[in-house]
C-alpha atoms as a PDB file:
ATOM      1  CA  MET A   1     134.829 104.582 113.535  1.00  0.00           C
ATOM      2  CA  SER A   2     132.307 103.712 110.816  1.00  0.00           C
ATOM      3  CA  SER A   3     131.202 106.252 108.208  1.00  0.00           C
ATOM      4  CA  LEU A   4     127.723 107.656 107.670  1.00  0.00           C
ATOM      5  CA  GLU A   5     125.725 107.939 104.464  1.00  0.00           C
ATOM      6  CA  LYS A   6     124.235 111.347 103.691  1.00  0.00           C
ATOM      7  CA  TYR A   7     120.668 110.143 104.276  1.00  0.00           C
ATOM      8  CA  GLN A   8     121.683 108.696 107.659  1.00  0.00           C
ATOM      9  CA  THR A   9     123.205 111.994 108.782  1.00  0.00           C
ATOM     10  CA  GLU A  10     120.145 113.900 107.557  1.00  0.00           C
ATOM     11  CA  LEU A  11     117.778 111.598 109.410  1.00  0.00           C
ATOM     12  CA  ILE A  12     119.763 111.861 112.656  1.00  0.00           C
ATOM     13  CA  GLU A  13     119.985 115.652 112.458  1.00  0.00           C
ATOM     14  CA  HIS A  14     116.352 116.099 111.428  1.00  0.00           C
ATOM     15  CA  GLY A  15     115.391 113.864 114.341  1.00  0.00           C
ATOM     16  CA  MET A  16     117.335 115.973 116.810  1.00  0.00           C
ATOM     17  CA  THR A  17     116.008 119.254 115.388  1.00  0.00           C
ATOM     18  CA  VAL A  18     112.362 118.265 115.943  1.00  0.00           C
ATOM     19  CA  GLY A  19     113.046 116.584 119.305  1.00  0.00           C
ATOM     20  CA  ALA A  20     112.432 113.064 118.041  1.00  0.00           C
ATOM     21  CA  LEU A  21     115.941 111.925 119.001  1.00  0.00           C
ATOM     22  CA  LYS A  22     116.865 112.733 122.598  1.00  0.00           C
ATOM     23  CA  PHE A  23     119.637 111.754 124.981  1.00  0.00           C
ATOM     24  CA  GLY A  24     119.073 111.312 128.716  1.00  0.00           C
ATOM     25  CA  SER A  25     117.365 108.501 130.640  1.00  0.00           C
ATOM     26  CA  PHE A  26     114.281 106.758 129.253  1.00  0.00           C
ATOM     27  CA  THR A  27     112.325 103.613 130.167  1.00  0.00           C
ATOM     28  CA  LEU A  28     111.571 101.580 127.029  1.00  0.00           C
ATOM     29  CA  LYS A  29     108.627  99.320 126.249  1.00  0.00           C
ATOM     30  CA  SER A  30     110.990  96.402 126.891  1.00  0.00           C
ATOM     31  CA  GLY A  31     111.566  97.718 130.449  1.00  0.00           C
ATOM     32  CA  ARG A  32     115.188  98.657 129.821  1.00  0.00           C
ATOM     33  CA  SER A  33     116.532 102.052 130.934  1.00  0.00           C
ATOM     34  CA  SER A  34     118.085 103.672 127.878  1.00  0.00           C
ATOM     35  CA  PRO A  35     120.410 106.693 127.488  1.00  0.00           C
ATOM     36  CA  TYR A  36     118.591 107.716 124.316  1.00  0.00           C
ATOM     37  CA  PHE A  37     115.120 107.645 122.826  1.00  0.00           C
ATOM     38  CA  PHE A  38     113.827 108.074 119.293  1.00  0.00           C
ATOM     39  CA  ASN A  39     110.154 109.090 119.084  1.00  0.00           C
ATOM     40  CA  ALA A  40     109.336 108.640 115.410  1.00  0.00           C
ATOM     41  CA  GLY A  41     105.904 110.182 115.996  1.00  0.00           C
ATOM     42  CA  LEU A  42     107.599 113.608 116.035  1.00  0.00           C
ATOM     43  CA  LEU A  43     108.886 113.164 112.475  1.00  0.00           C
ATOM     44  CA  ALA A  44     105.812 115.061 111.380  1.00  0.00           C
ATOM     45  CA  SER A  45     106.777 117.756 108.881  1.00  0.00           C
ATOM     46  CA  GLY A  46     106.873 117.545 105.109  1.00  0.00           C
ATOM     47  CA  PRO A  47     110.683 117.763 104.744  1.00  0.00           C
ATOM     48  CA  VAL A  48     111.350 115.254 107.532  1.00  0.00           C
ATOM     49  CA  LEU A  49     108.720 112.820 106.254  1.00  0.00           C
ATOM     50  CA  ASN A  50     110.240 113.089 102.784  1.00  0.00           C
ATOM     51  CA  THR A  51     113.709 112.286 104.172  1.00  0.00           C
ATOM     52  CA  LEU A  52     112.441 109.318 106.178  1.00  0.00           C
ATOM     53  CA  CYS A  53     110.212 107.762 103.518  1.00  0.00           C
ATOM     54  CA  SER A  54     112.883 108.275 100.840  1.00  0.00           C
ATOM     55  CA  ALA A  55     115.305 106.399 103.098  1.00  0.00           C
ATOM     56  CA  TYR A  56     112.770 103.598 103.636  1.00  0.00           C
ATOM     57  CA  ALA A  57     112.158 103.331  99.874  1.00  0.00           C
ATOM     58  CA  SER A  58     115.870 103.330  99.016  1.00  0.00           C
ATOM     59  CA  THR A  59     116.595 100.696 101.663  1.00  0.00           C
ATOM     60  CA  ILE A  60     113.794  98.467 100.368  1.00  0.00           C
ATOM     61  CA  SER A  61     114.835  98.878  96.726  1.00  0.00           C
ATOM     62  CA  ALA A  62     118.477  98.069  97.486  1.00  0.00           C
ATOM     63  CA  SER A  63     117.486  94.960  99.451  1.00  0.00           C
ATOM     64  CA  LEU A  64     115.207  93.729  96.656  1.00  0.00           C
ATOM     65  CA  GLN A  65     118.015  94.205  94.138  1.00  0.00           C
ATOM     66  CA  ALA A  66     120.467  92.332  96.350  1.00  0.00           C
ATOM     67  CA  ALA A  67     118.085  89.373  96.549  1.00  0.00           C
ATOM     68  CA  ALA A  68     117.533  89.457  92.778  1.00  0.00           C
ATOM     69  CA  PHE A  69     121.299  89.047  92.274  1.00  0.00           C
ATOM     70  CA  GLY A  70     121.564  86.130  94.691  1.00  0.00           C
ATOM     71  CA  SER A  71     122.554  87.909  97.899  1.00  0.00           C
ATOM     72  CA  ALA A  72     120.616  88.003 101.160  1.00  0.00           C
ATOM     73  CA  GLY A  73     117.746  90.465 100.889  1.00  0.00           C
ATOM     74  CA  LEU A  74     114.019  90.992 100.664  1.00  0.00           C
ATOM     75  CA  PRO A  75     111.872  88.867  98.352  1.00  0.00           C
ATOM     76  CA  GLU A  76     109.194  90.494  96.219  1.00  0.00           C
ATOM     77  CA  PHE A  77     106.087  91.512  98.146  1.00  0.00           C
ATOM     78  CA  ASP A  78     102.601  92.919  97.541  1.00  0.00           C
ATOM     79  CA  ILE A  79     101.807  95.179 100.492  1.00  0.00           C
ATOM     80  CA  ILE A  80     103.571  97.372 103.051  1.00  0.00           C
ATOM     81  CA  PHE A  81     101.976  97.137 106.497  1.00  0.00           C
ATOM     82  CA  GLY A  82     102.369 100.147 108.809  1.00  0.00           C
ATOM     83  CA  PRO A  83     101.298  99.437 112.408  1.00  0.00           C
ATOM     84  CA  ALA A  84      99.010 102.070 113.955  1.00  0.00           C
ATOM     85  CA  TYR A  85      99.536 104.801 114.642  1.00  0.00           C
ATOM     86  CA  LYS A  86     103.007 106.025 113.725  1.00  0.00           C
ATOM     87  CA  GLY A  87     103.435 103.496 110.950  1.00  0.00           C
ATOM     88  CA  ILE A  88     100.434 104.768 108.976  1.00  0.00           C
ATOM     89  CA  PRO A  89     101.987 107.869 107.315  1.00  0.00           C
ATOM     90  CA  PHE A  90     105.341 106.101 106.967  1.00  0.00           C
ATOM     91  CA  ALA A  91     103.778 103.199 105.045  1.00  0.00           C
ATOM     92  CA  ALA A  92     101.741 105.510 102.806  1.00  0.00           C
ATOM     93  CA  GLY A  93     104.711 107.759 102.035  1.00  0.00           C
ATOM     94  CA  THR A  94     107.022 104.823 101.382  1.00  0.00           C
ATOM     95  CA  ALA A  95     104.569 103.150  98.997  1.00  0.00           C
ATOM     96  CA  MET A  96     104.273 106.426  97.073  1.00  0.00           C
ATOM     97  CA  LEU A  97     108.045 106.947  96.840  1.00  0.00           C
ATOM     98  CA  LEU A  98     108.669 103.324  95.842  1.00  0.00           C
ATOM     99  CA  HIS A  99     106.386 104.005  92.867  1.00  0.00           C
ATOM    100  CA  ARG A 100     107.739 107.464  92.041  1.00  0.00           C
ATOM    101  CA  ASP A 101     111.454 106.898  92.523  1.00  0.00           C
ATOM    102  CA  HIS A 102     111.979 103.161  92.031  1.00  0.00           C
ATOM    103  CA  ASN A 103     109.158 101.975  89.737  1.00  0.00           C
ATOM    104  CA  ILE A 104     108.006  99.498  92.409  1.00  0.00           C
ATOM    105  CA  ASP A 105     104.227  99.323  92.757  1.00  0.00           C
ATOM    106  CA  VAL A 106     102.818  97.920  96.005  1.00  0.00           C
ATOM    107  CA  GLY A 107      99.797  98.558  98.189  1.00  0.00           C
ATOM    108  CA  PHE A 108      99.779  99.638 101.810  1.00  0.00           C
ATOM    109  CA  ALA A 109      97.666  98.712 104.809  1.00  0.00           C
ATOM    110  CA  TYR A 110      97.456  99.517 108.491  1.00  0.00           C
ATOM    111  CA  ASP A 111      95.511  98.420 111.532  1.00  0.00           C
ATOM    112  CA  ARG A 112      93.160 100.024 114.021  1.00  0.00           C
ATOM    113  CA  LYS A 113      93.807  99.875 117.734  1.00  0.00           C
ATOM    114  CA  GLU A 114      90.207  98.734 118.213  1.00  0.00           C
ATOM    115  CA  ALA A 115      88.137  96.689 115.799  1.00  0.00           C
ATOM    116  CA  LYS A 116      85.411  98.591 113.908  1.00  0.00           C
ATOM    117  CA  ASP A 117      81.959  97.063 114.407  1.00  0.00           C
ATOM    118  CA  HIS A 118      80.197  98.842 111.525  1.00  0.00           C
ATOM    119  CA  GLY A 119      80.811  99.535 107.845  1.00  0.00           C
ATOM    120  CA  GLU A 120      83.505  97.199 106.535  1.00  0.00           C
ATOM    121  CA  GLY A 121      84.356  96.243 110.131  1.00  0.00           C
ATOM    122  CA  GLY A 122      87.530  94.557 111.348  1.00  0.00           C
ATOM    123  CA  VAL A 123      90.903  95.896 112.394  1.00  0.00           C
ATOM    124  CA  MET A 124      92.568  96.373 108.995  1.00  0.00           C
ATOM    125  CA  VAL A 125      92.392  99.361 106.638  1.00  0.00           C
ATOM    126  CA  GLY A 126      93.790  99.732 103.125  1.00  0.00           C
ATOM    127  CA  ALA A 127      94.859  97.021 100.715  1.00  0.00           C
ATOM    128  CA  PRO A 128      93.578  93.564 101.774  1.00  0.00           C
ATOM    129  CA  VAL A 129      96.406  91.410 103.128  1.00  0.00           C
ATOM    130  CA  LYS A 130      94.668  88.027 102.928  1.00  0.00           C
ATOM    131  CA  GLY A 131      96.660  85.735 100.666  1.00  0.00           C
ATOM    132  CA  LYS A 132      99.278  88.441 100.011  1.00  0.00           C
ATOM    133  CA  LYS A 133     102.994  88.740 100.714  1.00  0.00           C
ATOM    134  CA  VAL A 134     103.470  91.530 103.256  1.00  0.00           C
ATOM    135  CA  LEU A 135     106.438  93.669 104.304  1.00  0.00           C
ATOM    136  CA  VAL A 136     106.119  95.077 107.824  1.00  0.00           C
ATOM    137  CA  LEU A 137     107.430  98.617 108.297  1.00  0.00           C
ATOM    138  CA  ASP A 138     108.586  99.483 111.810  1.00  0.00           C
ATOM    139  CA  ASP A 139     110.240 102.520 113.343  1.00  0.00           C
ATOM    140  CA  VAL A 140     112.472 101.655 116.310  1.00  0.00           C
ATOM    141  CA  ALA A 141     113.205  98.103 117.387  1.00  0.00           C
ATOM    142  CA  THR A 142     114.713  97.237 120.773  1.00  0.00           C
ATOM    143  CA  ALA A 143     113.769  93.740 121.908  1.00  0.00           C
ATOM    144  CA  GLY A 144     111.379  93.237 118.978  1.00  0.00           C
ATOM    145  CA  THR A 145     108.158  93.363 121.013  1.00  0.00           C
ATOM    146  CA  ALA A 146     106.265  95.709 118.674  1.00  0.00           C
ATOM    147  CA  ILE A 147     107.387  94.068 115.454  1.00  0.00           C
ATOM    148  CA  ARG A 148     106.338  90.639 116.701  1.00  0.00           C
ATOM    149  CA  GLY A 149     102.895  92.089 117.418  1.00  0.00           C
ATOM    150  CA  ALA A 150     102.676  93.499 113.892  1.00  0.00           C
ATOM    151  CA  ILE A 151     103.642  90.149 112.382  1.00  0.00           C
ATOM    152  CA  GLU A 152     100.959  88.429 114.447  1.00  0.00           C
ATOM    153  CA  THR A 153      98.335  90.977 113.337  1.00  0.00           C
ATOM    154  CA  VAL A 154      99.083  90.403 109.653  1.00  0.00           C
ATOM    155  CA  ARG A 155      99.068  86.624 110.044  1.00  0.00           C
ATOM    156  CA  LYS A 156      95.711  86.695 111.834  1.00  0.00           C
ATOM    157  CA  GLU A 157      94.311  88.502 108.785  1.00  0.00           C
ATOM    158  CA  GLY A 158      95.641  85.828 106.431  1.00  0.00           C
ATOM    159  CA  GLY A 159      98.734  87.624 105.149  1.00  0.00           C
ATOM    160  CA  GLU A 160     102.194  86.107 104.773  1.00  0.00           C
ATOM    161  CA  VAL A 161     104.918  88.281 106.316  1.00  0.00           C
ATOM    162  CA  VAL A 162     108.021  87.927 104.134  1.00  0.00           C
ATOM    163  CA  GLY A 163     110.178  90.656 105.689  1.00  0.00           C
ATOM    164  CA  ALA A 164     110.403  93.829 107.728  1.00  0.00           C
ATOM    165  CA  VAL A 165     112.231  97.125 107.319  1.00  0.00           C
ATOM    166  CA  LEU A 166     113.308  99.239 110.290  1.00  0.00           C
ATOM    167  CA  MET A 167     114.097 102.903 110.717  1.00  0.00           C
ATOM    168  CA  LEU A 168     116.379 102.237 113.703  1.00  0.00           C
ATOM    169  CA  ASP A 169     117.860  98.972 114.918  1.00  0.00           C
ATOM    170  CA  ARG A 170     119.022  99.547 118.485  1.00  0.00           C
ATOM    171  CA  GLN A 171     121.317  96.521 117.998  1.00  0.00           C
ATOM    172  CA  GLU A 172     120.307  94.936 121.275  1.00  0.00           C
ATOM    173  CA  VAL A 173     119.913  91.345 122.318  1.00  0.00           C
ATOM    174  CA  GLY A 174     116.356  90.049 122.104  1.00  0.00           C
ATOM    175  CA  ARG A 175     114.255  87.821 124.312  1.00  0.00           C
ATOM    176  CA  GLU A 176     116.529  84.800 124.014  1.00  0.00           C
ATOM    177  CA  GLY A 177     119.788  86.672 124.541  1.00  0.00           C
ATOM    178  CA  LYS A 178     120.513  86.709 120.804  1.00  0.00           C
ATOM    179  CA  SER A 179     120.354  89.482 118.223  1.00  0.00           C
ATOM    180  CA  MET A 180     116.802  90.790 117.905  1.00  0.00           C
ATOM    181  CA  ILE A 181     117.338  91.043 114.142  1.00  0.00           C
ATOM    182  CA  ASP A 182     118.343  87.372 113.962  1.00  0.00           C
ATOM    183  CA  GLU A 183     115.217  86.403 115.895  1.00  0.00           C
ATOM    184  CA  VAL A 184     112.897  88.419 113.641  1.00  0.00           C
ATOM    185  CA  GLU A 185     114.638  87.145 110.491  1.00  0.00           C
ATOM    186  CA  THR A 186     113.803  83.630 111.660  1.00  0.00           C
ATOM    187  CA  LEU A 187     110.135  84.640 111.972  1.00  0.00           C
ATOM    188  CA  VAL A 188     109.945  86.154 108.459  1.00  0.00           C
ATOM    189  CA  GLY A 189     111.901  83.633 106.444  1.00  0.00           C
ATOM    190  CA  GLY A 190     115.644  84.078 106.751  1.00  0.00           C
ATOM    191  CA  LYS A 191     118.818  86.106 106.547  1.00  0.00           C
ATOM    192  CA  GLY A 192     118.681  89.573 105.021  1.00  0.00           C
ATOM    193  CA  ARG A 193     114.929  90.010 105.353  1.00  0.00           C
ATOM    194  CA  VAL A 194     115.113  92.785 107.981  1.00  0.00           C
ATOM    195  CA  PRO A 195     117.070  95.677 106.403  1.00  0.00           C
ATOM    196  CA  THR A 196     117.603  98.795 108.511  1.00  0.00           C
ATOM    197  CA  ILE A 197     118.137 102.503 107.765  1.00  0.00           C
ATOM    198  CA  LEU A 198     119.975 103.376 111.005  1.00  0.00           C
ATOM    199  CA  LYS A 199     121.698 101.357 113.722  1.00  0.00           C
ATOM    200  CA  MET A 200     122.760 102.322 117.234  1.00  0.00           C
ATOM    201  CA  LYS A 201     126.381 102.323 116.035  1.00  0.00           C
ATOM    202  CA  HIS A 202     125.487 105.081 113.542  1.00  0.00           C
ATOM    203  CA  LEU A 203     124.207 107.272 116.396  1.00  0.00           C
ATOM    204  CA  MET A 204     127.420 106.636 118.319  1.00  0.00           C
ATOM    205  CA  THR A 205     129.464 107.587 115.243  1.00  0.00           C
ATOM    206  CA  TRP A 206     127.518 110.855 114.918  1.00  0.00           C
ATOM    207  CA  LEU A 207     128.096 111.674 118.606  1.00  0.00           C
ATOM    208  CA  GLU A 208     131.825 111.021 118.237  1.00  0.00           C
ATOM    209  CA  LEU A 209     132.066 113.163 115.100  1.00  0.00           C
ATOM    210  CA  HIS A 210     130.398 116.053 116.929  1.00  0.00           C
ATOM    211  CA  GLY A 211     132.339 115.799 120.200  1.00  0.00           C
ATOM    212  CA  LYS A 212     129.380 114.735 122.350  1.00  0.00           C
ATOM    213  CA  THR A 213     131.588 112.858 124.801  1.00  0.00           C
ATOM    214  CA  GLN A 214     129.184 112.554 127.754  1.00  0.00           C
ATOM    215  CA  GLU A 215     126.353 111.214 125.612  1.00  0.00           C
ATOM    216  CA  LEU A 216     128.750 108.888 123.808  1.00  0.00           C
ATOM    217  CA  GLN A 217     130.042 107.455 127.090  1.00  0.00           C
ATOM    218  CA  SER A 218     126.487 106.677 128.246  1.00  0.00           C
ATOM    219  CA  MET A 219     125.760 105.004 124.914  1.00  0.00           C
ATOM    220  CA  GLN A 220     128.936 102.918 125.147  1.00  0.00           C
ATOM    221  CA  GLU A 221     128.045 101.754 128.660  1.00  0.00           C
ATOM    222  CA  TYR A 222     124.565 100.765 127.506  1.00  0.00           C
ATOM    223  CA  TRP A 223     126.101  98.974 124.528  1.00  0.00           C
ATOM    224  CA  GLN A 224     128.324  96.936 126.836  1.00  0.00           C
ATOM    225  CA  GLN A 225     125.261  95.749 128.751  1.00  0.00           C
ATOM    226  CA  TYR A 226     122.766  95.115 125.963  1.00  0.00           C
ATOM    227  CA  GLY A 227     124.514  95.498 122.607  1.00  0.00           C
ATOM    228  CA  VAL A 228     125.022  92.751 120.073  1.00  0.00           C
ATOM    229  CA  LYS A 229     128.803  92.751 120.228  1.00  0.00           C
ATOM    230  CA  GLU A 230     129.483  91.094 116.882  1.00  0.00           C
ATOM    231  CA  THR A 231     127.347  93.607 114.922  1.00  0.00           C
ATOM    232  CA  GLN A 232     129.228  96.468 113.315  1.00  0.00           C
END
């Protein structure tokens, strides 16, 4: 059984307290029937947002440092992009905490669901992404459908997506039967460019530590069907 970092345990338990993390039966955007669901939109209080954005910022900082020392990791970037709507407060909070806690200064941007036809117009709000290196911030990734859409949005606006950071990697195979992370890494430039705060295995570890045997069994069965078996 793998161990959990303090911030991972806090995020899991905060998520359960506010009803963001639930166990049961849920149909995902990918069409798969899942034994658990994480609705990041319910991470909507000050303490929880602080925990989440601090974890995002720490994950980004560690990945940048790894790359600086020659390991796989994120390259330097200019802007964090948070897809509407849930990604908006996460991107803003993470940009602030990168500055406050890690001395990393970047802008943030987000999109509208519908293009604005007056004022400045367009679909993008915040720091201009045209000609900039952009890091996409995503919450929960299953088959990678949403993150691919975010990458496409940034590219249409002239930005270069150089990486992505996830709150939760469900560790499932993607469209081509391979790891979704591997597929997205190919889209954004290579190995190590999609760091993650939590993985499905971390949720399973938490369930085991707390004696949630029924939920754990359902998770293990789902893992056998869709999980990336070589990922730990």
